Amino acid sequence: MKTITLPTCPPVTITVDDGVASATPDPAPVPVFLIRTYSAGVHVGEIVSRNGKEVTLTNAHRVWRWRGANTLHELSQRGAASEHTRISEKSPSIILTEAIEILECSSVAAANLRTPRWGS
């Protein structure tokens, strides 16, 4: 059996077994969002549900403070610098009751913002 992944959009994995080929689309990545709330700060995670200003996130981190981006728009696209930035450990889920801004993260920013760091 031989397996290759083609860099198509979405990616496709092709498996050849005994001369028979089968193609399977790779699962799409789950979008990651940056959520600004009225009084609970900034959070990053996967949106499970949204009802008005109430947003439920899974795999959520709190972004306590950051450097390397001037606005949440930049933070959602580039991520944060290592120094001074404080990002919590992952919480399985959180319900945010006063979401006032929701920004989709780039893949680069999502990886960066989902890396906990709470240095001295």
PDB file of N, CA and C in Angstrom:
ATOM      1  N   MET A   1       0.844  -1.164   0.000  1.00  0.00           N
ATOM      2  CA  MET A   1       0.000   0.000   0.000  1.00  0.00           C
ATOM      3  C   MET A   1       0.895   1.233   0.000  1.00  0.00           C
ATOM      4  N   LYS A   2       0.506   2.227  -0.790  1.00  0.00           N
ATOM      5  CA  LYS A   2       1.239   3.479  -0.868  1.00  0.00           C
ATOM      6  C   LYS A   2       0.240   4.618  -0.666  1.00  0.00           C
ATOM      7  N   THR A   3       0.628   5.617   0.145  1.00  0.00           N
ATOM      8  CA  THR A   3      -0.246   6.750   0.419  1.00  0.00           C
ATOM      9  C   THR A   3       0.502   8.032   0.124  1.00  0.00           C
ATOM     10  N   ILE A   4      -0.155   8.944  -0.584  1.00  0.00           N
ATOM     11  CA  ILE A   4       0.404  10.277  -0.830  1.00  0.00           C
ATOM     12  C   ILE A   4      -0.679  11.313  -0.553  1.00  0.00           C
ATOM     13  N   THR A   5      -0.243  12.498  -0.161  1.00  0.00           N
ATOM     14  CA  THR A   5      -1.178  13.596   0.062  1.00  0.00           C
ATOM     15  C   THR A   5      -0.906  14.673  -0.968  1.00  0.00           C
ATOM     16  N   LEU A   6      -1.947  15.062  -1.681  1.00  0.00           N
ATOM     17  CA  LEU A   6      -1.825  16.105  -2.696  1.00  0.00           C
ATOM     18  C   LEU A   6      -2.169  17.458  -2.080  1.00  0.00           C
ATOM     19  N   PRO A   7      -1.389  18.493  -2.372  1.00  0.00           N
ATOM     20  CA  PRO A   7      -1.648  19.811  -1.795  1.00  0.00           C
ATOM     21  C   PRO A   7      -2.747  20.567  -2.536  1.00  0.00           C
ATOM     22  N   THR A   8      -3.862  19.921  -2.724  1.00  0.00           N
ATOM     23  CA  THR A   8      -4.990  20.580  -3.374  1.00  0.00           C
ATOM     24  C   THR A   8      -5.783  21.334  -2.315  1.00  0.00           C
ATOM     25  N   CYS A   9      -6.816  21.988  -2.698  1.00  0.00           N
ATOM     26  CA  CYS A   9      -7.644  22.718  -1.738  1.00  0.00           C
ATOM     27  C   CYS A   9      -9.057  22.166  -1.801  1.00  0.00           C
ATOM     28  N   PRO A  10      -9.559  21.409  -0.848  1.00  0.00           N
ATOM     29  CA  PRO A  10      -8.842  20.952   0.334  1.00  0.00           C
ATOM     30  C   PRO A  10      -7.874  19.838  -0.018  1.00  0.00           C
ATOM     31  N   PRO A  11      -6.875  19.580   0.865  1.00  0.00           N
ATOM     32  CA  PRO A  11      -5.913  18.506   0.593  1.00  0.00           C
ATOM     33  C   PRO A  11      -6.616  17.154   0.441  1.00  0.00           C
ATOM     34  N   VAL A  12      -6.051  16.310  -0.423  1.00  0.00           N
ATOM     35  CA  VAL A  12      -6.616  14.989  -0.683  1.00  0.00           C
ATOM     36  C   VAL A  12      -5.529  13.947  -0.468  1.00  0.00           C
ATOM     37  N   THR A  13      -5.874  12.887   0.226  1.00  0.00           N
ATOM     38  CA  THR A  13      -4.952  11.771   0.418  1.00  0.00           C
ATOM     39  C   THR A  13      -5.358  10.648  -0.525  1.00  0.00           C
ATOM     40  N   ILE A  14      -4.391  10.165  -1.311  1.00  0.00           N
ATOM     41  CA  ILE A  14      -4.652   9.080  -2.252  1.00  0.00           C
ATOM     42  C   ILE A  14      -3.917   7.837  -1.757  1.00  0.00           C
ATOM     43  N   THR A  15      -4.663   6.749  -1.654  1.00  0.00           N
ATOM     44  CA  THR A  15      -4.100   5.470  -1.218  1.00  0.00           C
ATOM     45  C   THR A  15      -4.229   4.483  -2.363  1.00  0.00           C
ATOM     46  N   VAL A  16      -3.118   3.806  -2.671  1.00  0.00           N
ATOM     47  CA  VAL A  16      -3.117   2.772  -3.701  1.00  0.00           C
ATOM     48  C   VAL A  16      -2.825   1.451  -3.012  1.00  0.00           C
ATOM     49  N   ASP A  17      -3.768   0.508  -3.144  1.00  0.00           N
ATOM     50  CA  ASP A  17      -3.635  -0.803  -2.517  1.00  0.00           C
ATOM     51  C   ASP A  17      -3.978  -1.863  -3.550  1.00  0.00           C
ATOM     52  N   ASP A  18      -3.042  -2.720  -3.880  1.00  0.00           N
ATOM     53  CA  ASP A  18      -3.226  -3.763  -4.894  1.00  0.00           C
ATOM     54  C   ASP A  18      -3.688  -3.187  -6.223  1.00  0.00           C
ATOM     55  N   GLY A  19      -3.108  -2.053  -6.604  1.00  0.00           N
ATOM     56  CA  GLY A  19      -3.429  -1.437  -7.890  1.00  0.00           C
ATOM     57  C   GLY A  19      -4.725  -0.650  -7.908  1.00  0.00           C
ATOM     58  N   VAL A  20      -5.439  -0.576  -6.790  1.00  0.00           N
ATOM     59  CA  VAL A  20      -6.698   0.172  -6.726  1.00  0.00           C
ATOM     60  C   VAL A  20      -6.457   1.453  -5.939  1.00  0.00           C
ATOM     61  N   ALA A  21      -6.776   2.593  -6.566  1.00  0.00           N
ATOM     62  CA  ALA A  21      -6.569   3.891  -5.921  1.00  0.00           C
ATOM     63  C   ALA A  21      -7.867   4.397  -5.306  1.00  0.00           C
ATOM     64  N   SER A  22      -7.754   4.997  -4.154  1.00  0.00           N
ATOM     65  CA  SER A  22      -8.912   5.647  -3.536  1.00  0.00           C
ATOM     66  C   SER A  22      -8.460   7.004  -3.005  1.00  0.00           C
ATOM     67  N   ALA A  23      -9.332   8.002  -3.176  1.00  0.00           N
ATOM     68  CA  ALA A  23      -9.020   9.366  -2.735  1.00  0.00           C
ATOM     69  C   ALA A  23      -9.932   9.741  -1.576  1.00  0.00           C
ATOM     70  N   THR A  24      -9.334  10.334  -0.549  1.00  0.00           N
ATOM     71  CA  THR A  24     -10.085  10.768   0.629  1.00  0.00           C
ATOM     72  C   THR A  24      -9.726  12.211   0.925  1.00  0.00           C
ATOM     73  N   PRO A  25     -10.725  13.108   0.965  1.00  0.00           N
ATOM     74  CA  PRO A  25     -10.394  14.493   1.327  1.00  0.00           C
ATOM     75  C   PRO A  25      -9.968  14.559   2.796  1.00  0.00           C
ATOM     76  N   ASP A  26      -8.898  15.311   3.056  1.00  0.00           N
ATOM     77  CA  ASP A  26      -8.454  15.499   4.431  1.00  0.00           C
ATOM     78  C   ASP A  26      -9.450  16.413   5.141  1.00  0.00           C
ATOM     79  N   PRO A  27      -9.646  16.195   6.438  1.00  0.00           N
ATOM     80  CA  PRO A  27     -10.598  17.045   7.148  1.00  0.00           C
ATOM     81  C   PRO A  27     -10.146  18.493   7.139  1.00  0.00           C
ATOM     82  N   ALA A  28     -11.104  19.379   6.994  1.00  0.00           N
ATOM     83  CA  ALA A  28     -10.798  20.809   6.989  1.00  0.00           C
ATOM     84  C   ALA A  28     -10.387  21.232   8.394  1.00  0.00           C
ATOM     85  N   PRO A  29      -9.441  22.147   8.491  1.00  0.00           N
ATOM     86  CA  PRO A  29      -9.058  22.619   9.816  1.00  0.00           C
ATOM     87  C   PRO A  29     -10.212  23.378  10.466  1.00  0.00           C
ATOM     88  N   VAL A  30     -10.315  23.258  11.771  1.00  0.00           N
ATOM     89  CA  VAL A  30     -11.365  23.956  12.507  1.00  0.00           C
ATOM     90  C   VAL A  30     -10.934  25.413  12.661  1.00  0.00           C
ATOM     91  N   PRO A  31     -11.787  26.358  12.282  1.00  0.00           N
ATOM     92  CA  PRO A  31     -11.393  27.765  12.408  1.00  0.00           C
ATOM     93  C   PRO A  31     -11.233  28.173  13.873  1.00  0.00           C
ATOM     94  N   VAL A  32     -10.270  29.035  14.104  1.00  0.00           N
ATOM     95  CA  VAL A  32      -9.975  29.555  15.433  1.00  0.00           C
ATOM     96  C   VAL A  32     -10.307  31.040  15.429  1.00  0.00           C
ATOM     97  N   PHE A  33     -10.947  31.492  16.514  1.00  0.00           N
ATOM     98  CA  PHE A  33     -11.393  32.880  16.587  1.00  0.00           C
ATOM     99  C   PHE A  33     -10.826  33.573  17.813  1.00  0.00           C
ATOM    100  N   LEU A  34     -10.616  34.863  17.683  1.00  0.00           N
ATOM    101  CA  LEU A  34     -10.235  35.740  18.771  1.00  0.00           C
ATOM    102  C   LEU A  34     -11.497  36.477  19.185  1.00  0.00           C
ATOM    103  N   ILE A  35     -11.848  36.409  20.461  1.00  0.00           N
ATOM    104  CA  ILE A  35     -13.086  37.005  20.958  1.00  0.00           C
ATOM    105  C   ILE A  35     -12.734  38.088  21.972  1.00  0.00           C
ATOM    106  N   ARG A  36     -13.195  39.290  21.729  1.00  0.00           N
ATOM    107  CA  ARG A  36     -13.060  40.373  22.697  1.00  0.00           C
ATOM    108  C   ARG A  36     -14.390  40.508  23.415  1.00  0.00           C
ATOM    109  N   THR A  37     -14.340  40.541  24.735  1.00  0.00           N
ATOM    110  CA  THR A  37     -15.567  40.671  25.512  1.00  0.00           C
ATOM    111  C   THR A  37     -15.626  42.047  26.159  1.00  0.00           C
ATOM    112  N   TYR A  38     -16.790  42.389  26.666  1.00  0.00           N
ATOM    113  CA  TYR A  38     -16.983  43.672  27.319  1.00  0.00           C
ATOM    114  C   TYR A  38     -16.202  43.751  28.628  1.00  0.00           C
ATOM    115  N   SER A  39     -16.215  42.674  29.421  1.00  0.00           N
ATOM    116  CA  SER A  39     -15.576  42.747  30.739  1.00  0.00           C
ATOM    117  C   SER A  39     -14.740  41.521  31.117  1.00  0.00           C
ATOM    118  N   ALA A  40     -14.640  40.533  30.250  1.00  0.00           N
ATOM    119  CA  ALA A  40     -13.895  39.318  30.587  1.00  0.00           C
ATOM    120  C   ALA A  40     -12.609  39.176  29.786  1.00  0.00           C
ATOM    121  N   GLY A  41     -12.194  40.213  29.087  1.00  0.00           N
ATOM    122  CA  GLY A  41     -10.935  40.180  28.365  1.00  0.00           C
ATOM    123  C   GLY A  41     -11.022  39.586  26.979  1.00  0.00           C
ATOM    124  N   VAL A  42      -9.872  39.089  26.515  1.00  0.00           N
ATOM    125  CA  VAL A  42      -9.725  38.545  25.163  1.00  0.00           C
ATOM    126  C   VAL A  42      -9.452  37.047  25.262  1.00  0.00           C
ATOM    127  N   HIS A  43     -10.140  36.273  24.453  1.00  0.00           N
ATOM    128  CA  HIS A  43     -10.014  34.813  24.458  1.00  0.00           C
ATOM    129  C   HIS A  43      -9.802  34.330  23.028  1.00  0.00           C
ATOM    130  N   VAL A  44      -9.164  33.167  22.901  1.00  0.00           N
ATOM    131  CA  VAL A  44      -8.964  32.544  21.594  1.00  0.00           C
ATOM    132  C   VAL A  44      -9.402  31.088  21.702  1.00  0.00           C
ATOM    133  N   GLY A  45     -10.116  30.608  20.681  1.00  0.00           N
ATOM    134  CA  GLY A  45     -10.570  29.222  20.692  1.00  0.00           C
ATOM    135  C   GLY A  45     -11.481  28.925  19.516  1.00  0.00           C
ATOM    136  N   GLU A  46     -12.131  27.770  19.589  1.00  0.00           N
ATOM    137  CA  GLU A  46     -13.040  27.323  18.527  1.00  0.00           C
ATOM    138  C   GLU A  46     -14.475  27.604  18.966  1.00  0.00           C
ATOM    139  N   ILE A  47     -15.232  28.265  18.116  1.00  0.00           N
ATOM    140  CA  ILE A  47     -16.621  28.590  18.453  1.00  0.00           C
ATOM    141  C   ILE A  47     -17.496  27.357  18.293  1.00  0.00           C
ATOM    142  N   VAL A  48     -18.194  27.012  19.380  1.00  0.00           N
ATOM    143  CA  VAL A  48     -19.146  25.906  19.373  1.00  0.00           C
ATOM    144  C   VAL A  48     -20.541  26.442  19.086  1.00  0.00           C
ATOM    145  N   SER A  49     -20.861  27.577  19.707  1.00  0.00           N
ATOM    146  CA  SER A  49     -22.171  28.179  19.477  1.00  0.00           C
ATOM    147  C   SER A  49     -22.101  29.671  19.739  1.00  0.00           C
ATOM    148  N   ARG A  50     -23.070  30.364  19.148  1.00  0.00           N
ATOM    149  CA  ARG A  50     -23.200  31.805  19.359  1.00  0.00           C
ATOM    150  C   ARG A  50     -24.679  32.137  19.384  1.00  0.00           C
ATOM    151  N   ASN A  51     -25.088  32.897  20.395  1.00  0.00           N
ATOM    152  CA  ASN A  51     -26.468  33.341  20.529  1.00  0.00           C
ATOM    153  C   ASN A  51     -26.420  34.788  20.992  1.00  0.00           C
ATOM    154  N   GLY A  52     -26.590  35.719  20.053  1.00  0.00           N
ATOM    155  CA  GLY A  52     -26.443  37.129  20.400  1.00  0.00           C
ATOM    156  C   GLY A  52     -25.017  37.396  20.841  1.00  0.00           C
ATOM    157  N   LYS A  53     -24.863  37.948  22.049  1.00  0.00           N
ATOM    158  CA  LYS A  53     -23.531  38.251  22.577  1.00  0.00           C
ATOM    159  C   LYS A  53     -22.905  37.072  23.320  1.00  0.00           C
ATOM    160  N   GLU A  54     -23.641  35.967  23.457  1.00  0.00           N
ATOM    161  CA  GLU A  54     -23.108  34.799  24.161  1.00  0.00           C
ATOM    162  C   GLU A  54     -22.395  33.878  23.176  1.00  0.00           C
ATOM    163  N   VAL A  55     -21.138  33.590  23.480  1.00  0.00           N
ATOM    164  CA  VAL A  55     -20.317  32.717  22.633  1.00  0.00           C
ATOM    165  C   VAL A  55     -19.734  31.615  23.504  1.00  0.00           C
ATOM    166  N   THR A  56     -19.844  30.371  23.042  1.00  0.00           N
ATOM    167  CA  THR A  56     -19.219  29.248  23.728  1.00  0.00           C
ATOM    168  C   THR A  56     -18.007  28.809  22.920  1.00  0.00           C
ATOM    169  N   LEU A  57     -16.851  28.753  23.589  1.00  0.00           N
ATOM    170  CA  LEU A  57     -15.606  28.332  22.956  1.00  0.00           C
ATOM    171  C   LEU A  57     -15.149  27.008  23.542  1.00  0.00           C
ATOM    172  N   THR A  58     -14.487  26.199  22.717  1.00  0.00           N
ATOM    173  CA  THR A  58     -13.756  25.038  23.211  1.00  0.00           C
ATOM    174  C   THR A  58     -12.281  25.284  22.948  1.00  0.00           C
ATOM    175  N   ASN A  59     -11.440  24.507  23.651  1.00  0.00           N
ATOM    176  CA  ASN A  59      -9.986  24.655  23.508  1.00  0.00           C
ATOM    177  C   ASN A  59      -9.591  26.127  23.618  1.00  0.00           C
ATOM    178  N   ALA A  60     -10.072  26.757  24.677  1.00  0.00           N
ATOM    179  CA  ALA A  60      -9.969  28.206  24.835  1.00  0.00           C
ATOM    180  C   ALA A  60      -8.773  28.621  25.683  1.00  0.00           C
ATOM    181  N   HIS A  61      -8.174  29.725  25.301  1.00  0.00           N
ATOM    182  CA  HIS A  61      -7.092  30.351  26.052  1.00  0.00           C
ATOM    183  C   HIS A  61      -7.471  31.809  26.296  1.00  0.00           C
ATOM    184  N   ARG A  62      -7.072  32.339  27.451  1.00  0.00           N
ATOM    185  CA  ARG A  62      -7.243  33.767  27.718  1.00  0.00           C
ATOM    186  C   ARG A  62      -5.946  34.462  27.323  1.00  0.00           C
ATOM    187  N   VAL A  63      -6.060  35.530  26.553  1.00  0.00           N
ATOM    188  CA  VAL A  63      -4.906  36.345  26.179  1.00  0.00           C
ATOM    189  C   VAL A  63      -4.887  37.512  27.172  1.00  0.00           C
ATOM    190  N   TRP A  64      -3.998  37.411  28.145  1.00  0.00           N
ATOM    191  CA  TRP A  64      -3.977  38.366  29.243  1.00  0.00           C
ATOM    192  C   TRP A  64      -3.343  39.689  28.822  1.00  0.00           C
ATOM    193  N   ARG A  65      -2.202  39.597  28.138  1.00  0.00           N
ATOM    194  CA  ARG A  65      -1.538  40.787  27.597  1.00  0.00           C
ATOM    195  C   ARG A  65      -0.644  40.344  26.455  1.00  0.00           C
ATOM    196  N   TRP A  66      -0.267  41.287  25.592  1.00  0.00           N
ATOM    197  CA  TRP A  66       0.558  40.925  24.442  1.00  0.00           C
ATOM    198  C   TRP A  66       1.369  42.107  23.951  1.00  0.00           C
ATOM    199  N   ARG A  67       2.389  41.755  23.188  1.00  0.00           N
ATOM    200  CA  ARG A  67       3.171  42.721  22.416  1.00  0.00           C
ATOM    201  C   ARG A  67       3.343  42.137  21.028  1.00  0.00           C
ATOM    202  N   GLY A  68       3.707  42.994  20.073  1.00  0.00           N
ATOM    203  CA  GLY A  68       3.951  42.532  18.719  1.00  0.00           C
ATOM    204  C   GLY A  68       2.782  42.755  17.783  1.00  0.00           C
ATOM    205  N   ALA A  69       1.698  43.313  18.325  1.00  0.00           N
ATOM    206  CA  ALA A  69       0.528  43.661  17.512  1.00  0.00           C
ATOM    207  C   ALA A  69      -0.128  44.867  18.176  1.00  0.00           C
ATOM    208  N   ASN A  70      -0.504  45.839  17.366  1.00  0.00           N
ATOM    209  CA  ASN A  70      -1.111  47.047  17.924  1.00  0.00           C
ATOM    210  C   ASN A  70      -2.602  46.897  18.175  1.00  0.00           C
ATOM    211  N   THR A  71      -3.267  46.100  17.367  1.00  0.00           N
ATOM    212  CA  THR A  71      -4.715  45.942  17.473  1.00  0.00           C
ATOM    213  C   THR A  71      -5.075  44.463  17.487  1.00  0.00           C
ATOM    214  N   LEU A  72      -6.316  44.173  17.850  1.00  0.00           N
ATOM    215  CA  LEU A  72      -6.768  42.781  17.792  1.00  0.00           C
ATOM    216  C   LEU A  72      -6.788  42.277  16.355  1.00  0.00           C
ATOM    217  N   HIS A  73      -7.026  43.162  15.405  1.00  0.00           N
ATOM    218  CA  HIS A  73      -6.980  42.749  13.995  1.00  0.00           C
ATOM    219  C   HIS A  73      -5.598  42.197  13.644  1.00  0.00           C
ATOM    220  N   GLU A  74      -4.553  42.918  14.044  1.00  0.00           N
ATOM    221  CA  GLU A  74      -3.190  42.439  13.791  1.00  0.00           C
ATOM    222  C   GLU A  74      -2.896  41.172  14.590  1.00  0.00           C
ATOM    223  N   LEU A  75      -3.346  41.138  15.836  1.00  0.00           N
ATOM    224  CA  LEU A  75      -3.134  39.960  16.674  1.00  0.00           C
ATOM    225  C   LEU A  75      -3.762  38.723  16.040  1.00  0.00           C
ATOM    226  N   SER A  76      -4.945  38.886  15.448  1.00  0.00           N
ATOM    227  CA  SER A  76      -5.645  37.748  14.832  1.00  0.00           C
ATOM    228  C   SER A  76      -4.969  37.266  13.552  1.00  0.00           C
ATOM    229  N   GLN A  77      -4.116  38.089  12.964  1.00  0.00           N
ATOM    230  CA  GLN A  77      -3.462  37.703  11.722  1.00  0.00           C
ATOM    231  C   GLN A  77      -1.995  37.313  11.886  1.00  0.00           C
ATOM    232  N   ARG A  78      -1.308  37.908  12.888  1.00  0.00           N
ATOM    233  CA  ARG A  78       0.123  37.661  13.062  1.00  0.00           C
ATOM    234  C   ARG A  78       0.476  36.944  14.352  1.00  0.00           C
ATOM    235  N   GLY A  79      -0.408  37.022  15.338  1.00  0.00           N
ATOM    236  CA  GLY A  79      -0.071  36.483  16.643  1.00  0.00           C
ATOM    237  C   GLY A  79       0.666  37.519  17.468  1.00  0.00           C
ATOM    238  N   ALA A  80       1.262  37.080  18.564  1.00  0.00           N
ATOM    239  CA  ALA A  80       1.926  37.978  19.511  1.00  0.00           C
ATOM    240  C   ALA A  80       3.403  37.647  19.626  1.00  0.00           C
ATOM    241  N   ALA A  81       4.164  38.638  20.059  1.00  0.00           N
ATOM    242  CA  ALA A  81       5.585  38.432  20.332  1.00  0.00           C
ATOM    243  C   ALA A  81       5.732  37.559  21.578  1.00  0.00           C
ATOM    244  N   SER A  82       6.891  36.943  21.739  1.00  0.00           N
ATOM    245  CA  SER A  82       7.119  36.076  22.894  1.00  0.00           C
ATOM    246  C   SER A  82       7.288  36.869  24.180  1.00  0.00           C
ATOM    247  N   GLU A  83       8.053  37.968  24.102  1.00  0.00           N
ATOM    248  CA  GLU A  83       8.292  38.733  25.320  1.00  0.00           C
ATOM    249  C   GLU A  83       7.037  39.496  25.740  1.00  0.00           C
ATOM    250  N   HIS A  84       6.855  39.588  27.042  1.00  0.00           N
ATOM    251  CA  HIS A  84       5.760  40.326  27.682  1.00  0.00           C
ATOM    252  C   HIS A  84       4.394  39.660  27.522  1.00  0.00           C
ATOM    253  N   THR A  85       4.183  38.841  26.506  1.00  0.00           N
ATOM    254  CA  THR A  85       2.881  38.230  26.242  1.00  0.00           C
ATOM    255  C   THR A  85       2.546  37.189  27.301  1.00  0.00           C
ATOM    256  N   ARG A  86       1.278  37.188  27.724  1.00  0.00           N
ATOM    257  CA  ARG A  86       0.788  36.215  28.697  1.00  0.00           C
ATOM    258  C   ARG A  86      -0.462  35.551  28.139  1.00  0.00           C
ATOM    259  N   ILE A  87      -0.378  34.246  27.901  1.00  0.00           N
ATOM    260  CA  ILE A  87      -1.502  33.459  27.393  1.00  0.00           C
ATOM    261  C   ILE A  87      -1.683  32.270  28.327  1.00  0.00           C
ATOM    262  N   SER A  88      -2.921  32.049  28.756  1.00  0.00           N
ATOM    263  CA  SER A  88      -3.215  31.000  29.739  1.00  0.00           C
ATOM    264  C   SER A  88      -3.087  29.606  29.148  1.00  0.00           C
ATOM    265  N   GLU A  89      -3.101  28.636  30.051  1.00  0.00           N
ATOM    266  CA  GLU A  89      -3.236  27.248  29.651  1.00  0.00           C
ATOM    267  C   GLU A  89      -4.622  27.058  29.022  1.00  0.00           C
ATOM    268  N   LYS A  90      -4.806  25.967  28.302  1.00  0.00           N
ATOM    269  CA  LYS A  90      -6.075  25.691  27.614  1.00  0.00           C
ATOM    270  C   LYS A  90      -7.156  25.298  28.616  1.00  0.00           C
ATOM    271  N   SER A  91      -8.345  25.831  28.381  1.00  0.00           N
ATOM    272  CA  SER A  91      -9.535  25.423  29.130  1.00  0.00           C
ATOM    273  C   SER A  91     -10.400  24.613  28.168  1.00  0.00           C
ATOM    274  N   PRO A  92     -10.996  23.503  28.609  1.00  0.00           N
ATOM    275  CA  PRO A  92     -11.808  22.698  27.695  1.00  0.00           C
ATOM    276  C   PRO A  92     -12.953  23.493  27.064  1.00  0.00           C
ATOM    277  N   SER A  93     -13.577  24.380  27.849  1.00  0.00           N
ATOM    278  CA  SER A  93     -14.639  25.226  27.277  1.00  0.00           C
ATOM    279  C   SER A  93     -14.884  26.415  28.184  1.00  0.00           C
ATOM    280  N   ILE A  94     -15.460  27.447  27.597  1.00  0.00           N
ATOM    281  CA  ILE A  94     -15.825  28.647  28.333  1.00  0.00           C
ATOM    282  C   ILE A  94     -17.036  29.267  27.645  1.00  0.00           C
ATOM    283  N   ILE A  95     -17.932  29.820  28.453  1.00  0.00           N
ATOM    284  CA  ILE A  95     -19.078  30.567  27.921  1.00  0.00           C
ATOM    285  C   ILE A  95     -18.808  32.041  28.190  1.00  0.00           C
ATOM    286  N   LEU A  96     -18.732  32.819  27.132  1.00  0.00           N
ATOM    287  CA  LEU A  96     -18.515  34.261  27.231  1.00  0.00           C
ATOM    288  C   LEU A  96     -19.855  34.951  26.999  1.00  0.00           C
ATOM    289  N   THR A  97     -20.296  35.757  27.954  1.00  0.00           N
ATOM    290  CA  THR A  97     -21.650  36.314  27.881  1.00  0.00           C
ATOM    291  C   THR A  97     -21.733  37.709  27.277  1.00  0.00           C
ATOM    292  N   GLU A  98     -20.597  38.357  27.050  1.00  0.00           N
ATOM    293  CA  GLU A  98     -20.622  39.708  26.491  1.00  0.00           C
ATOM    294  C   GLU A  98     -19.598  39.878  25.365  1.00  0.00           C
ATOM    295  N   ALA A  99     -19.667  39.025  24.356  1.00  0.00           N
ATOM    296  CA  ALA A  99     -18.746  39.133  23.225  1.00  0.00           C
ATOM    297  C   ALA A  99     -19.094  40.367  22.404  1.00  0.00           C
ATOM    298  N   ILE A 100     -18.100  41.230  22.173  1.00  0.00           N
ATOM    299  CA  ILE A 100     -18.358  42.449  21.400  1.00  0.00           C
ATOM    300  C   ILE A 100     -17.539  42.516  20.114  1.00  0.00           C
ATOM    301  N   GLU A 101     -16.596  41.585  19.956  1.00  0.00           N
ATOM    302  CA  GLU A 101     -15.807  41.540  18.728  1.00  0.00           C
ATOM    303  C   GLU A 101     -15.356  40.107  18.499  1.00  0.00           C
ATOM    304  N   ILE A 102     -15.538  39.607  17.271  1.00  0.00           N
ATOM    305  CA  ILE A 102     -15.169  38.238  16.911  1.00  0.00           C
ATOM    306  C   ILE A 102     -14.338  38.305  15.635  1.00  0.00           C
ATOM    307  N   LEU A 103     -13.091  37.835  15.719  1.00  0.00           N
ATOM    308  CA  LEU A 103     -12.181  37.889  14.579  1.00  0.00           C
ATOM    309  C   LEU A 103     -11.656  36.490  14.267  1.00  0.00           C
ATOM    310  N   GLU A 104     -11.714  36.079  13.021  1.00  0.00           N
ATOM    311  CA  GLU A 104     -11.139  34.788  12.636  1.00  0.00           C
ATOM    312  C   GLU A 104      -9.626  34.927  12.559  1.00  0.00           C
ATOM    313  N   CYS A 105      -8.914  33.954  13.089  1.00  0.00           N
ATOM    314  CA  CYS A 105      -7.449  33.974  13.109  1.00  0.00           C
ATOM    315  C   CYS A 105      -6.872  33.298  11.878  1.00  0.00           C
ATOM    316  N   SER A 106      -5.742  33.810  11.418  1.00  0.00           N
ATOM    317  CA  SER A 106      -4.984  33.110  10.387  1.00  0.00           C
ATOM    318  C   SER A 106      -4.388  31.855  11.019  1.00  0.00           C
ATOM    319  N   SER A 107      -3.926  30.920  10.197  1.00  0.00           N
ATOM    320  CA  SER A 107      -3.336  29.695  10.750  1.00  0.00           C
ATOM    321  C   SER A 107      -2.068  30.009  11.544  1.00  0.00           C
ATOM    322  N   VAL A 108      -1.304  30.996  11.112  1.00  0.00           N
ATOM    323  CA  VAL A 108      -0.081  31.391  11.821  1.00  0.00           C
ATOM    324  C   VAL A 108      -0.437  31.957  13.191  1.00  0.00           C
ATOM    325  N   ALA A 109      -1.409  32.866  13.231  1.00  0.00           N
ATOM    326  CA  ALA A 109      -1.819  33.471  14.500  1.00  0.00           C
ATOM    327  C   ALA A 109      -2.455  32.432  15.419  1.00  0.00           C
ATOM    328  N   ALA A 110      -3.253  31.535  14.874  1.00  0.00           N
ATOM    329  CA  ALA A 110      -3.910  30.512  15.695  1.00  0.00           C
ATOM    330  C   ALA A 110      -2.877  29.652  16.415  1.00  0.00           C
ATOM    331  N   ALA A 111      -1.849  29.212  15.713  1.00  0.00           N
ATOM    332  CA  ALA A 111      -0.801  28.403  16.339  1.00  0.00           C
ATOM    333  C   ALA A 111      -0.066  29.209  17.407  1.00  0.00           C
ATOM    334  N   ASN A 112       0.222  30.458  17.107  1.00  0.00           N
ATOM    335  CA  ASN A 112       0.924  31.327  18.045  1.00  0.00           C
ATOM    336  C   ASN A 112       0.091  31.576  19.299  1.00  0.00           C
ATOM    337  N   LEU A 113      -1.171  31.905  19.138  1.00  0.00           N
ATOM    338  CA  LEU A 113      -2.021  32.285  20.270  1.00  0.00           C
ATOM    339  C   LEU A 113      -2.489  31.091  21.095  1.00  0.00           C
ATOM    340  N   ARG A 114      -2.312  29.885  20.582  1.00  0.00           N
ATOM    341  CA  ARG A 114      -2.704  28.697  21.332  1.00  0.00           C
ATOM    342  C   ARG A 114      -1.491  28.061  22.019  1.00  0.00           C
ATOM    343  N   THR A 115      -0.417  28.808  22.097  1.00  0.00           N
ATOM    344  CA  THR A 115       0.771  28.363  22.811  1.00  0.00           C
ATOM    345  C   THR A 115       0.817  29.083  24.148  1.00  0.00           C
ATOM    346  N   PRO A 116       0.536  28.379  25.251  1.00  0.00           N
ATOM    347  CA  PRO A 116       0.537  29.029  26.562  1.00  0.00           C
ATOM    348  C   PRO A 116       1.908  29.588  26.907  1.00  0.00           C
ATOM    349  N   ARG A 117       1.913  30.751  27.524  1.00  0.00           N
ATOM    350  CA  ARG A 117       3.170  31.343  28.012  1.00  0.00           C
ATOM    351  C   ARG A 117       2.849  32.317  29.147  1.00  0.00           C
ATOM    352  N   TRP A 118       3.506  32.066  30.231  1.00  0.00           N
ATOM    353  CA  TRP A 118       3.286  32.897  31.400  1.00  0.00           C
ATOM    354  C   TRP A 118       4.619  33.013  32.125  1.00  0.00           C
ATOM    355  N   GLY A 119       5.575  33.650  31.450  1.00  0.00           N
ATOM    356  CA  GLY A 119       6.917  33.767  32.002  1.00  0.00           C
ATOM    357  C   GLY A 119       6.981  34.711  33.178  1.00  0.00           C
ATOM    358  N   SER A 120       8.178  34.849  33.717  1.00  0.00           N
ATOM    359  CA  SER A 120       8.364  35.723  34.884  1.00  0.00           C
ATOM    360  C   SER A 120       8.579  37.161  34.471  1.00  0.00           C
TER     361      SER A 120
END
